């Protein structure tokens, strides 16, 4: 359960990055509100996940999911290129996340 919460926190981390990107230097208020909401909820979920997952593992997973998510979001919604090498590295990240979960 805590791993799912951590996964959602990582996705929301990507959400606040998109919100900041689309806010146009904090002038587009709906995106600013979205960014603040995503950031807050991401941190709350991250702190809940820390009840069962060691902080060193949780932080690595949170960052990995956030980084992977933002790259995928940028590819599909903002037409940024995504190479085969990047996809391969994302697969390695998720294999590492699965390995962390199995070791816990």
PDB file of N, CA and C in Angstrom:
ATOM      1  N   UNK A   1       0.818  -1.202   0.000  1.00  0.00           N
ATOM      2  CA  UNK A   1       0.000   0.000   0.000  1.00  0.00           C
ATOM      3  C   UNK A   1       0.860   1.263   0.000  1.00  0.00           C
ATOM      4  N   UNK A   2       1.921   1.259   0.831  1.00  0.00           N
ATOM      5  CA  UNK A   2       2.775   2.438   0.916  1.00  0.00           C
ATOM      6  C   UNK A   2       3.562   2.665  -0.377  1.00  0.00           C
ATOM      7  N   UNK A   3       3.864   1.579  -1.084  1.00  0.00           N
ATOM      8  CA  UNK A   3       4.557   1.723  -2.365  1.00  0.00           C
ATOM      9  C   UNK A   3       3.639   2.374  -3.400  1.00  0.00           C
ATOM     10  N   UNK A   4       2.368   2.049  -3.370  1.00  0.00           N
ATOM     11  CA  UNK A   4       1.416   2.697  -4.275  1.00  0.00           C
ATOM     12  C   UNK A   4       1.295   4.185  -3.953  1.00  0.00           C
ATOM     13  N   UNK A   5       1.252   4.502  -2.684  1.00  0.00           N
ATOM     14  CA  UNK A   5       1.194   5.906  -2.256  1.00  0.00           C
ATOM     15  C   UNK A   5       2.441   6.648  -2.731  1.00  0.00           C
ATOM     16  N   UNK A   6       3.594   5.997  -2.617  1.00  0.00           N
ATOM     17  CA  UNK A   6       4.840   6.608  -3.077  1.00  0.00           C
ATOM     18  C   UNK A   6       4.821   6.807  -4.589  1.00  0.00           C
ATOM     19  N   UNK A   7       4.280   5.842  -5.325  1.00  0.00           N
ATOM     20  CA  UNK A   7       4.160   5.965  -6.779  1.00  0.00           C
ATOM     21  C   UNK A   7       3.286   7.166  -7.146  1.00  0.00           C
ATOM     22  N   UNK A   8       2.172   7.327  -6.463  1.00  0.00           N
ATOM     23  CA  UNK A   8       1.289   8.475  -6.720  1.00  0.00           C
ATOM     24  C   UNK A   8       1.988   9.796  -6.386  1.00  0.00           C
ATOM     25  N   UNK A   9       2.779   9.792  -5.320  1.00  0.00           N
ATOM     26  CA  UNK A   9       3.532  10.995  -4.967  1.00  0.00           C
ATOM     27  C   UNK A   9       4.520  11.356  -6.070  1.00  0.00           C
ATOM     28  N   UNK A  10       5.146  10.357  -6.682  1.00  0.00           N
ATOM     29  CA  UNK A  10       6.076  10.603  -7.777  1.00  0.00           C
ATOM     30  C   UNK A  10       5.375  11.160  -9.004  1.00  0.00           C
ATOM     31  N   UNK A  11       4.193  10.638  -9.303  1.00  0.00           N
ATOM     32  CA  UNK A  11       3.418  11.158 -10.441  1.00  0.00           C
ATOM     33  C   UNK A  11       3.025  12.616 -10.181  1.00  0.00           C
ATOM     34  N   UNK A  12       2.609  12.909  -8.953  1.00  0.00           N
ATOM     35  CA  UNK A  12       2.230  14.286  -8.625  1.00  0.00           C
ATOM     36  C   UNK A  12       3.419  15.234  -8.657  1.00  0.00           C
ATOM     37  N   UNK A  13       4.627  14.704  -8.406  1.00  0.00           N
ATOM     38  CA  UNK A  13       5.815  15.538  -8.537  1.00  0.00           C
ATOM     39  C   UNK A  13       5.945  16.026  -9.982  1.00  0.00           C
ATOM     40  N   UNK A  14       5.689  15.137 -10.922  1.00  0.00           N
ATOM     41  CA  UNK A  14       5.708  15.539 -12.333  1.00  0.00           C
ATOM     42  C   UNK A  14       4.602  16.552 -12.617  1.00  0.00           C
ATOM     43  N   UNK A  15       3.462  16.399 -11.943  1.00  0.00           N
ATOM     44  CA  UNK A  15       2.352  17.325 -12.130  1.00  0.00           C
ATOM     45  C   UNK A  15       2.714  18.746 -11.755  1.00  0.00           C
ATOM     46  N   UNK A  16       3.409  18.916 -10.635  1.00  0.00           N
ATOM     47  CA  UNK A  16       3.739  20.287 -10.258  1.00  0.00           C
ATOM     48  C   UNK A  16       4.820  20.867 -11.160  1.00  0.00           C
ATOM     49  N   UNK A  17       5.683  20.028 -11.713  1.00  0.00           N
ATOM     50  CA  UNK A  17       6.662  20.534 -12.669  1.00  0.00           C
ATOM     51  C   UNK A  17       5.985  21.019 -13.953  1.00  0.00           C
ATOM     52  N   UNK A  18       4.981  20.285 -14.410  1.00  0.00           N
ATOM     53  CA  UNK A  18       4.214  20.718 -15.583  1.00  0.00           C
ATOM     54  C   UNK A  18       3.474  22.017 -15.265  1.00  0.00           C
ATOM     55  N   UNK A  19       2.902  22.096 -14.077  1.00  0.00           N
ATOM     56  CA  UNK A  19       2.195  23.313 -13.674  1.00  0.00           C
ATOM     57  C   UNK A  19       3.093  24.538 -13.669  1.00  0.00           C
ATOM     58  N   UNK A  20       4.308  24.376 -13.159  1.00  0.00           N
ATOM     59  CA  UNK A  20       5.245  25.496 -13.142  1.00  0.00           C
ATOM     60  C   UNK A  20       5.648  25.866 -14.569  1.00  0.00           C
ATOM     61  N   UNK A  21       5.888  24.854 -15.392  1.00  0.00           N
ATOM     62  CA  UNK A  21       6.274  25.102 -16.787  1.00  0.00           C
ATOM     63  C   UNK A  21       5.180  25.862 -17.530  1.00  0.00           C
ATOM     64  N   UNK A  22       3.936  25.467 -17.340  1.00  0.00           N
ATOM     65  CA  UNK A  22       2.817  26.083 -18.060  1.00  0.00           C
ATOM     66  C   UNK A  22       2.339  27.390 -17.424  1.00  0.00           C
ATOM     67  N   UNK A  23       2.800  27.707 -16.221  1.00  0.00           N
ATOM     68  CA  UNK A  23       2.318  28.918 -15.548  1.00  0.00           C
ATOM     69  C   UNK A  23       2.902  30.197 -16.130  1.00  0.00           C
ATOM     70  N   UNK A  24       3.897  30.060 -17.002  1.00  0.00           N
ATOM     71  CA  UNK A  24       4.512  31.222 -17.648  1.00  0.00           C
ATOM     72  C   UNK A  24       4.995  32.238 -16.611  1.00  0.00           C
ATOM     73  N   UNK A  25       5.946  31.799 -15.800  1.00  0.00           N
ATOM     74  CA  UNK A  25       6.531  32.628 -14.736  1.00  0.00           C
ATOM     75  C   UNK A  25       5.478  33.085 -13.727  1.00  0.00           C
ATOM     76  N   UNK A  26       4.597  32.178 -13.379  1.00  0.00           N
ATOM     77  CA  UNK A  26       3.559  32.396 -12.373  1.00  0.00           C
ATOM     78  C   UNK A  26       2.555  33.480 -12.761  1.00  0.00           C
ATOM     79  N   UNK A  27       2.326  33.660 -14.059  1.00  0.00           N
ATOM     80  CA  UNK A  27       1.324  34.627 -14.498  1.00  0.00           C
ATOM     81  C   UNK A  27       0.012  33.962 -14.893  1.00  0.00           C
ATOM     82  N   UNK A  28       0.032  32.679 -15.174  1.00  0.00           N
ATOM     83  CA  UNK A  28      -1.175  31.937 -15.531  1.00  0.00           C
ATOM     84  C   UNK A  28      -1.682  31.241 -14.264  1.00  0.00           C
ATOM     85  N   UNK A  29      -2.591  31.887 -13.575  1.00  0.00           N
ATOM     86  CA  UNK A  29      -2.998  31.489 -12.224  1.00  0.00           C
ATOM     87  C   UNK A  29      -3.546  30.057 -12.126  1.00  0.00           C
ATOM     88  N   UNK A  30      -4.366  29.572 -13.043  1.00  0.00           N
ATOM     89  CA  UNK A  30      -4.838  28.183 -12.900  1.00  0.00           C
ATOM     90  C   UNK A  30      -3.691  27.164 -12.851  1.00  0.00           C
ATOM     91  N   UNK A  31      -2.641  27.387 -13.626  1.00  0.00           N
ATOM     92  CA  UNK A  31      -1.498  26.476 -13.583  1.00  0.00           C
ATOM     93  C   UNK A  31      -0.699  26.641 -12.293  1.00  0.00           C
ATOM     94  N   UNK A  32      -0.652  27.851 -11.772  1.00  0.00           N
ATOM     95  CA  UNK A  32       0.014  28.075 -10.484  1.00  0.00           C
ATOM     96  C   UNK A  32      -0.727  27.303  -9.392  1.00  0.00           C
ATOM     97  N   UNK A  33      -2.046  27.383  -9.389  1.00  0.00           N
ATOM     98  CA  UNK A  33      -2.859  26.668  -8.399  1.00  0.00           C
ATOM     99  C   UNK A  33      -2.654  25.161  -8.548  1.00  0.00           C
ATOM    100  N   UNK A  34      -2.644  24.681  -9.793  1.00  0.00           N
ATOM    101  CA  UNK A  34      -2.400  23.262 -10.043  1.00  0.00           C
ATOM    102  C   UNK A  34      -1.028  22.835  -9.528  1.00  0.00           C
ATOM    103  N   UNK A  35      -0.009  23.672  -9.771  1.00  0.00           N
ATOM    104  CA  UNK A  35       1.343  23.347  -9.315  1.00  0.00           C
ATOM    105  C   UNK A  35       1.424  23.282  -7.796  1.00  0.00           C
ATOM    106  N   UNK A  36       0.837  24.251  -7.118  1.00  0.00           N
ATOM    107  CA  UNK A  36       0.862  24.267  -5.649  1.00  0.00           C
ATOM    108  C   UNK A  36       0.091  23.080  -5.084  1.00  0.00           C
ATOM    109  N   UNK A  37      -1.056  22.760  -5.667  1.00  0.00           N
ATOM    110  CA  UNK A  37      -1.845  21.616  -5.219  1.00  0.00           C
ATOM    111  C   UNK A  37      -1.072  20.312  -5.420  1.00  0.00           C
ATOM    112  N   UNK A  38      -0.472  20.142  -6.607  1.00  0.00           N
ATOM    113  CA  UNK A  38       0.279  18.919  -6.894  1.00  0.00           C
ATOM    114  C   UNK A  38       1.486  18.784  -5.977  1.00  0.00           C
ATOM    115  N   UNK A  39       2.179  19.890  -5.757  1.00  0.00           N
ATOM    116  CA  UNK A  39       3.354  19.867  -4.892  1.00  0.00           C
ATOM    117  C   UNK A  39       2.972  19.499  -3.467  1.00  0.00           C
ATOM    118  N   UNK A  40       1.924  20.114  -2.974  1.00  0.00           N
ATOM    119  CA  UNK A  40       1.482  19.847  -1.604  1.00  0.00           C
ATOM    120  C   UNK A  40       1.045  18.396  -1.421  1.00  0.00           C
ATOM    121  N   UNK A  41       0.221  17.919  -2.351  1.00  0.00           N
ATOM    122  CA  UNK A  41      -0.260  16.548  -2.251  1.00  0.00           C
ATOM    123  C   UNK A  41       0.886  15.549  -2.422  1.00  0.00           C
ATOM    124  N   UNK A  42       1.836  15.853  -3.285  1.00  0.00           N
ATOM    125  CA  UNK A  42       2.998  14.989  -3.472  1.00  0.00           C
ATOM    126  C   UNK A  42       3.790  14.865  -2.175  1.00  0.00           C
ATOM    127  N   UNK A  43       4.014  15.977  -1.509  1.00  0.00           N
ATOM    128  CA  UNK A  43       4.768  15.938  -0.256  1.00  0.00           C
ATOM    129  C   UNK A  43       4.001  15.226   0.855  1.00  0.00           C
ATOM    130  N   UNK A  44       2.695  15.421   0.907  1.00  0.00           N
ATOM    131  CA  UNK A  44       1.880  14.727   1.911  1.00  0.00           C
ATOM    132  C   UNK A  44       1.932  13.220   1.684  1.00  0.00           C
ATOM    133  N   UNK A  45       1.745  12.796   0.433  1.00  0.00           N
ATOM    134  CA  UNK A  45       1.788  11.364   0.126  1.00  0.00           C
ATOM    135  C   UNK A  45       3.179  10.796   0.371  1.00  0.00           C
ATOM    136  N   UNK A  46       4.206  11.559   0.047  1.00  0.00           N
ATOM    137  CA  UNK A  46       5.571  11.112   0.306  1.00  0.00           C
ATOM    138  C   UNK A  46       5.793  10.897   1.798  1.00  0.00           C
ATOM    139  N   UNK A  47       5.313  11.813   2.606  1.00  0.00           N
ATOM    140  CA  UNK A  47       5.488  11.677   4.058  1.00  0.00           C
ATOM    141  C   UNK A  47       4.705  10.488   4.608  1.00  0.00           C
ATOM    142  N   UNK A  48       3.553  10.192   4.033  1.00  0.00           N
ATOM    143  CA  UNK A  48       2.785   9.009   4.453  1.00  0.00           C
ATOM    144  C   UNK A  48       3.551   7.742   4.099  1.00  0.00           C
ATOM    145  N   UNK A  49       4.140   7.721   2.904  1.00  0.00           N
ATOM    146  CA  UNK A  49       4.897   6.539   2.474  1.00  0.00           C
ATOM    147  C   UNK A  49       6.102   6.286   3.367  1.00  0.00           C
ATOM    148  N   UNK A  50       6.641   7.332   3.977  1.00  0.00           N
ATOM    149  CA  UNK A  50       7.805   7.182   4.846  1.00  0.00           C
ATOM    150  C   UNK A  50       7.500   6.412   6.126  1.00  0.00           C
ATOM    151  N   UNK A  51       6.231   6.186   6.424  1.00  0.00           N
ATOM    152  CA  UNK A  51       5.877   5.406   7.610  1.00  0.00           C
ATOM    153  C   UNK A  51       6.337   3.963   7.490  1.00  0.00           C
ATOM    154  N   UNK A  52       6.426   3.452   6.252  1.00  0.00           N
ATOM    155  CA  UNK A  52       6.777   2.042   6.068  1.00  0.00           C
ATOM    156  C   UNK A  52       8.020   1.832   5.207  1.00  0.00           C
ATOM    157  N   UNK A  53       8.412   2.822   4.419  1.00  0.00           N
ATOM    158  CA  UNK A  53       9.532   2.677   3.494  1.00  0.00           C
ATOM    159  C   UNK A  53      10.704   3.511   4.020  1.00  0.00           C
ATOM    160  N   UNK A  54      11.902   2.941   4.053  1.00  0.00           N
ATOM    161  CA  UNK A  54      13.061   3.723   4.497  1.00  0.00           C
ATOM    162  C   UNK A  54      13.259   4.961   3.626  1.00  0.00           C
ATOM    163  N   UNK A  55      13.664   6.049   4.244  1.00  0.00           N
ATOM    164  CA  UNK A  55      13.739   7.335   3.554  1.00  0.00           C
ATOM    165  C   UNK A  55      14.700   7.280   2.371  1.00  0.00           C
ATOM    166  N   UNK A  56      15.805   6.562   2.478  1.00  0.00           N
ATOM    167  CA  UNK A  56      16.759   6.508   1.367  1.00  0.00           C
ATOM    168  C   UNK A  56      16.142   5.833   0.145  1.00  0.00           C
ATOM    169  N   UNK A  57      15.401   4.767   0.344  1.00  0.00           N
ATOM    170  CA  UNK A  57      14.734   4.096  -0.768  1.00  0.00           C
ATOM    171  C   UNK A  57      13.580   4.937  -1.301  1.00  0.00           C
ATOM    172  N   UNK A  58      12.801   5.497  -0.401  1.00  0.00           N
ATOM    173  CA  UNK A  58      11.626   6.274  -0.813  1.00  0.00           C
ATOM    174  C   UNK A  58      12.036   7.483  -1.647  1.00  0.00           C
ATOM    175  N   UNK A  59      13.085   8.168  -1.245  1.00  0.00           N
ATOM    176  CA  UNK A  59      13.506   9.358  -1.972  1.00  0.00           C
ATOM    177  C   UNK A  59      13.987   9.003  -3.375  1.00  0.00           C
ATOM    178  N   UNK A  60      14.756   7.928  -3.491  1.00  0.00           N
ATOM    179  CA  UNK A  60      15.227   7.501  -4.812  1.00  0.00           C
ATOM    180  C   UNK A  60      14.064   7.126  -5.725  1.00  0.00           C
ATOM    181  N   UNK A  61      13.107   6.407  -5.191  1.00  0.00           N
ATOM    182  CA  UNK A  61      11.947   5.990  -5.987  1.00  0.00           C
ATOM    183  C   UNK A  61      11.119   7.200  -6.377  1.00  0.00           C
ATOM    184  N   UNK A  62      10.895   8.102  -5.447  1.00  0.00           N
ATOM    185  CA  UNK A  62      10.113   9.316  -5.693  1.00  0.00           C
ATOM    186  C   UNK A  62      10.735  10.141  -6.820  1.00  0.00           C
ATOM    187  N   UNK A  63      12.058  10.326  -6.753  1.00  0.00           N
ATOM    188  CA  UNK A  63      12.740  11.077  -7.803  1.00  0.00           C
ATOM    189  C   UNK A  63      12.709  10.357  -9.142  1.00  0.00           C
ATOM    190  N   UNK A  64      12.924   9.054  -9.118  1.00  0.00           N
ATOM    191  CA  UNK A  64      12.944   8.276 -10.361  1.00  0.00           C
ATOM    192  C   UNK A  64      11.587   8.310 -11.052  1.00  0.00           C
ATOM    193  N   UNK A  65      10.538   8.134 -10.299  1.00  0.00           N
ATOM    194  CA  UNK A  65       9.196   8.160 -10.887  1.00  0.00           C
ATOM    195  C   UNK A  65       8.864   9.564 -11.391  1.00  0.00           C
ATOM    196  N   UNK A  66       9.231  10.581 -10.627  1.00  0.00           N
ATOM    197  CA  UNK A  66       8.984  11.954 -11.058  1.00  0.00           C
ATOM    198  C   UNK A  66       9.736  12.293 -12.326  1.00  0.00           C
ATOM    199  N   UNK A  67      11.018  11.921 -12.398  1.00  0.00           N
ATOM    200  CA  UNK A  67      11.821  12.219 -13.584  1.00  0.00           C
ATOM    201  C   UNK A  67      11.312  11.468 -14.808  1.00  0.00           C
ATOM    202  N   UNK A  68      10.985  10.215 -14.631  1.00  0.00           N
ATOM    203  CA  UNK A  68      10.453   9.426 -15.746  1.00  0.00           C
ATOM    204  C   UNK A  68       9.107   9.977 -16.205  1.00  0.00           C
ATOM    205  N   UNK A  69       8.263  10.306 -15.258  1.00  0.00           N
ATOM    206  CA  UNK A  69       6.930  10.814 -15.584  1.00  0.00           C
ATOM    207  C   UNK A  69       6.991  12.127 -16.342  1.00  0.00           C
ATOM    208  N   UNK A  70       7.853  13.036 -15.898  1.00  0.00           N
ATOM    209  CA  UNK A  70       7.917  14.329 -16.567  1.00  0.00           C
ATOM    210  C   UNK A  70       8.436  14.172 -17.989  1.00  0.00           C
ATOM    211  N   UNK A  71       9.355  13.257 -18.207  1.00  0.00           N
ATOM    212  CA  UNK A  71       9.855  13.029 -19.571  1.00  0.00           C
ATOM    213  C   UNK A  71       8.766  12.452 -20.463  1.00  0.00           C
ATOM    214  N   UNK A  72       8.001  11.521 -19.947  1.00  0.00           N
ATOM    215  CA  UNK A  72       6.924  10.911 -20.724  1.00  0.00           C
ATOM    216  C   UNK A  72       5.813  11.921 -20.993  1.00  0.00           C
ATOM    217  N   UNK A  73       5.466  12.718 -19.987  1.00  0.00           N
ATOM    218  CA  UNK A  73       4.443  13.759 -20.162  1.00  0.00           C
ATOM    219  C   UNK A  73       4.895  14.771 -21.211  1.00  0.00           C
ATOM    220  N   UNK A  74       6.150  15.200 -21.116  1.00  0.00           N
ATOM    221  CA  UNK A  74       6.663  16.164 -22.093  1.00  0.00           C
ATOM    222  C   UNK A  74       6.664  15.580 -23.495  1.00  0.00           C
ATOM    223  N   UNK A  75       6.921  14.299 -23.628  1.00  0.00           N
ATOM    224  CA  UNK A  75       6.919  13.669 -24.948  1.00  0.00           C
ATOM    225  C   UNK A  75       5.514  13.641 -25.549  1.00  0.00           C
ATOM    226  N   UNK A  76       4.541  13.206 -24.774  1.00  0.00           N
ATOM    227  CA  UNK A  76       3.192  13.036 -25.306  1.00  0.00           C
ATOM    228  C   UNK A  76       2.386  14.330 -25.416  1.00  0.00           C
ATOM    229  N   UNK A  77       2.610  15.270 -24.514  1.00  0.00           N
ATOM    230  CA  UNK A  77       1.782  16.472 -24.510  1.00  0.00           C
ATOM    231  C   UNK A  77       2.478  17.719 -25.044  1.00  0.00           C
ATOM    232  N   UNK A  78       3.815  17.737 -25.030  1.00  0.00           N
ATOM    233  CA  UNK A  78       4.540  18.936 -25.438  1.00  0.00           C
ATOM    234  C   UNK A  78       5.524  18.657 -26.576  1.00  0.00           C
ATOM    235  N   UNK A  79       5.390  17.514 -27.228  1.00  0.00           N
ATOM    236  CA  UNK A  79       6.157  17.154 -28.427  1.00  0.00           C
ATOM    237  C   UNK A  79       7.670  17.237 -28.252  1.00  0.00           C
ATOM    238  N   UNK A  80       8.170  16.871 -27.082  1.00  0.00           N
ATOM    239  CA  UNK A  80       9.612  16.786 -26.901  1.00  0.00           C
ATOM    240  C   UNK A  80      10.060  15.371 -27.267  1.00  0.00           C
ATOM    241  N   UNK A  81      11.183  15.250 -27.955  1.00  0.00           N
ATOM    242  CA  UNK A  81      11.618  13.926 -28.409  1.00  0.00           C
ATOM    243  C   UNK A  81      12.016  13.018 -27.241  1.00  0.00           C
ATOM    244  N   UNK A  82      11.835  11.731 -27.445  1.00  0.00           N
ATOM    245  CA  UNK A  82      12.198  10.716 -26.461  1.00  0.00           C
ATOM    246  C   UNK A  82      12.907   9.607 -27.222  1.00  0.00           C
ATOM    247  N   UNK A  83      14.193   9.426 -26.950  1.00  0.00           N
ATOM    248  CA  UNK A  83      14.995   8.483 -27.719  1.00  0.00           C
ATOM    249  C   UNK A  83      14.874   7.060 -27.161  1.00  0.00           C
ATOM    250  N   UNK A  84      15.336   6.118 -27.944  1.00  0.00           N
ATOM    251  CA  UNK A  84      15.355   4.713 -27.521  1.00  0.00           C
ATOM    252  C   UNK A  84      16.258   4.548 -26.299  1.00  0.00           C
ATOM    253  N   UNK A  85      17.372   5.277 -26.271  1.00  0.00           N
ATOM    254  CA  UNK A  85      18.276   5.201 -25.119  1.00  0.00           C
ATOM    255  C   UNK A  85      17.585   5.691 -23.846  1.00  0.00           C
ATOM    256  N   UNK A  86      16.801   6.758 -23.956  1.00  0.00           N
ATOM    257  CA  UNK A  86      16.078   7.258 -22.787  1.00  0.00           C
ATOM    258  C   UNK A  86      15.041   6.244 -22.322  1.00  0.00           C
ATOM    259  N   UNK A  87      14.318   5.652 -23.253  1.00  0.00           N
ATOM    260  CA  UNK A  87      13.336   4.630 -22.877  1.00  0.00           C
ATOM    261  C   UNK A  87      14.012   3.445 -22.203  1.00  0.00           C
ATOM    262  N   UNK A  88      15.159   3.045 -22.712  1.00  0.00           N
ATOM    263  CA  UNK A  88      15.912   1.951 -22.101  1.00  0.00           C
ATOM    264  C   UNK A  88      16.307   2.299 -20.667  1.00  0.00           C
ATOM    265  N   UNK A  89      16.778   3.517 -20.460  1.00  0.00           N
ATOM    266  CA  UNK A  89      17.169   3.943 -19.115  1.00  0.00           C
ATOM    267  C   UNK A  89      15.963   4.020 -18.174  1.00  0.00           C
ATOM    268  N   UNK A  90      14.801   4.442 -18.690  1.00  0.00           N
ATOM    269  CA  UNK A  90      13.593   4.437 -17.864  1.00  0.00           C
ATOM    270  C   UNK A  90      13.234   3.014 -17.450  1.00  0.00           C
ATOM    271  N   UNK A  91      13.406   2.077 -18.365  1.00  0.00           N
ATOM    272  CA  UNK A  91      13.160   0.670 -18.023  1.00  0.00           C
ATOM    273  C   UNK A  91      14.106   0.216 -16.916  1.00  0.00           C
ATOM    274  N   UNK A  92      15.370   0.629 -16.995  1.00  0.00           N
ATOM    275  CA  UNK A  92      16.322   0.289 -15.933  1.00  0.00           C
ATOM    276  C   UNK A  92      15.905   0.897 -14.596  1.00  0.00           C
ATOM    277  N   UNK A  93      15.397   2.128 -14.647  1.00  0.00           N
ATOM    278  CA  UNK A  93      14.922   2.771 -13.419  1.00  0.00           C
ATOM    279  C   UNK A  93      13.792   1.951 -12.802  1.00  0.00           C
ATOM    280  N   UNK A  94      12.827   1.539 -13.634  1.00  0.00           N
ATOM    281  CA  UNK A  94      11.692   0.791 -13.095  1.00  0.00           C
ATOM    282  C   UNK A  94      12.097  -0.603 -12.629  1.00  0.00           C
ATOM    283  N   UNK A  95      13.101  -1.198 -13.264  1.00  0.00           N
ATOM    284  CA  UNK A  95      13.634  -2.476 -12.770  1.00  0.00           C
ATOM    285  C   UNK A  95      14.267  -2.259 -11.399  1.00  0.00           C
ATOM    286  N   UNK A  96      14.982  -1.152 -11.242  1.00  0.00           N
ATOM    287  CA  UNK A  96      15.567  -0.827  -9.945  1.00  0.00           C
ATOM    288  C   UNK A  96      14.513  -0.589  -8.881  1.00  0.00           C
ATOM    289  N   UNK A  97      13.423   0.090  -9.249  1.00  0.00           N
ATOM    290  CA  UNK A  97      12.321   0.320  -8.308  1.00  0.00           C
ATOM    291  C   UNK A  97      11.697  -1.010  -7.895  1.00  0.00           C
ATOM    292  N   UNK A  98      11.479  -1.897  -8.865  1.00  0.00           N
ATOM    293  CA  UNK A  98      10.924  -3.214  -8.538  1.00  0.00           C
ATOM    294  C   UNK A  98      11.882  -3.986  -7.636  1.00  0.00           C
ATOM    295  N   UNK A  99      13.180  -3.877  -7.897  1.00  0.00           N
ATOM    296  CA  UNK A  99      14.164  -4.542  -7.043  1.00  0.00           C
ATOM    297  C   UNK A  99      14.153  -4.004  -5.626  1.00  0.00           C
ATOM    298  N   UNK A 100      13.994  -2.693  -5.472  1.00  0.00           N
ATOM    299  CA  UNK A 100      13.890  -2.114  -4.135  1.00  0.00           C
ATOM    300  C   UNK A 100      12.660  -2.626  -3.399  1.00  0.00           C
ATOM    301  N   UNK A 101      11.555  -2.732  -4.135  1.00  0.00           N
ATOM    302  CA  UNK A 101      10.326  -3.208  -3.498  1.00  0.00           C
ATOM    303  C   UNK A 101      10.478  -4.653  -3.058  1.00  0.00           C
ATOM    304  N   UNK A 102      11.080  -5.481  -3.902  1.00  0.00           N
ATOM    305  CA  UNK A 102      11.232  -6.890  -3.553  1.00  0.00           C
ATOM    306  C   UNK A 102      12.216  -7.087  -2.402  1.00  0.00           C
ATOM    307  N   UNK A 103      13.153  -6.165  -2.243  1.00  0.00           N
ATOM    308  CA  UNK A 103      14.130  -6.306  -1.160  1.00  0.00           C
ATOM    309  C   UNK A 103      13.585  -5.822   0.177  1.00  0.00           C
ATOM    310  N   UNK A 104      12.462  -5.144   0.156  1.00  0.00           N
ATOM    311  CA  UNK A 104      11.896  -4.582   1.382  1.00  0.00           C
ATOM    312  C   UNK A 104      11.026  -5.581   2.102  1.00  0.00           C
TER     313      UNK A 104
END
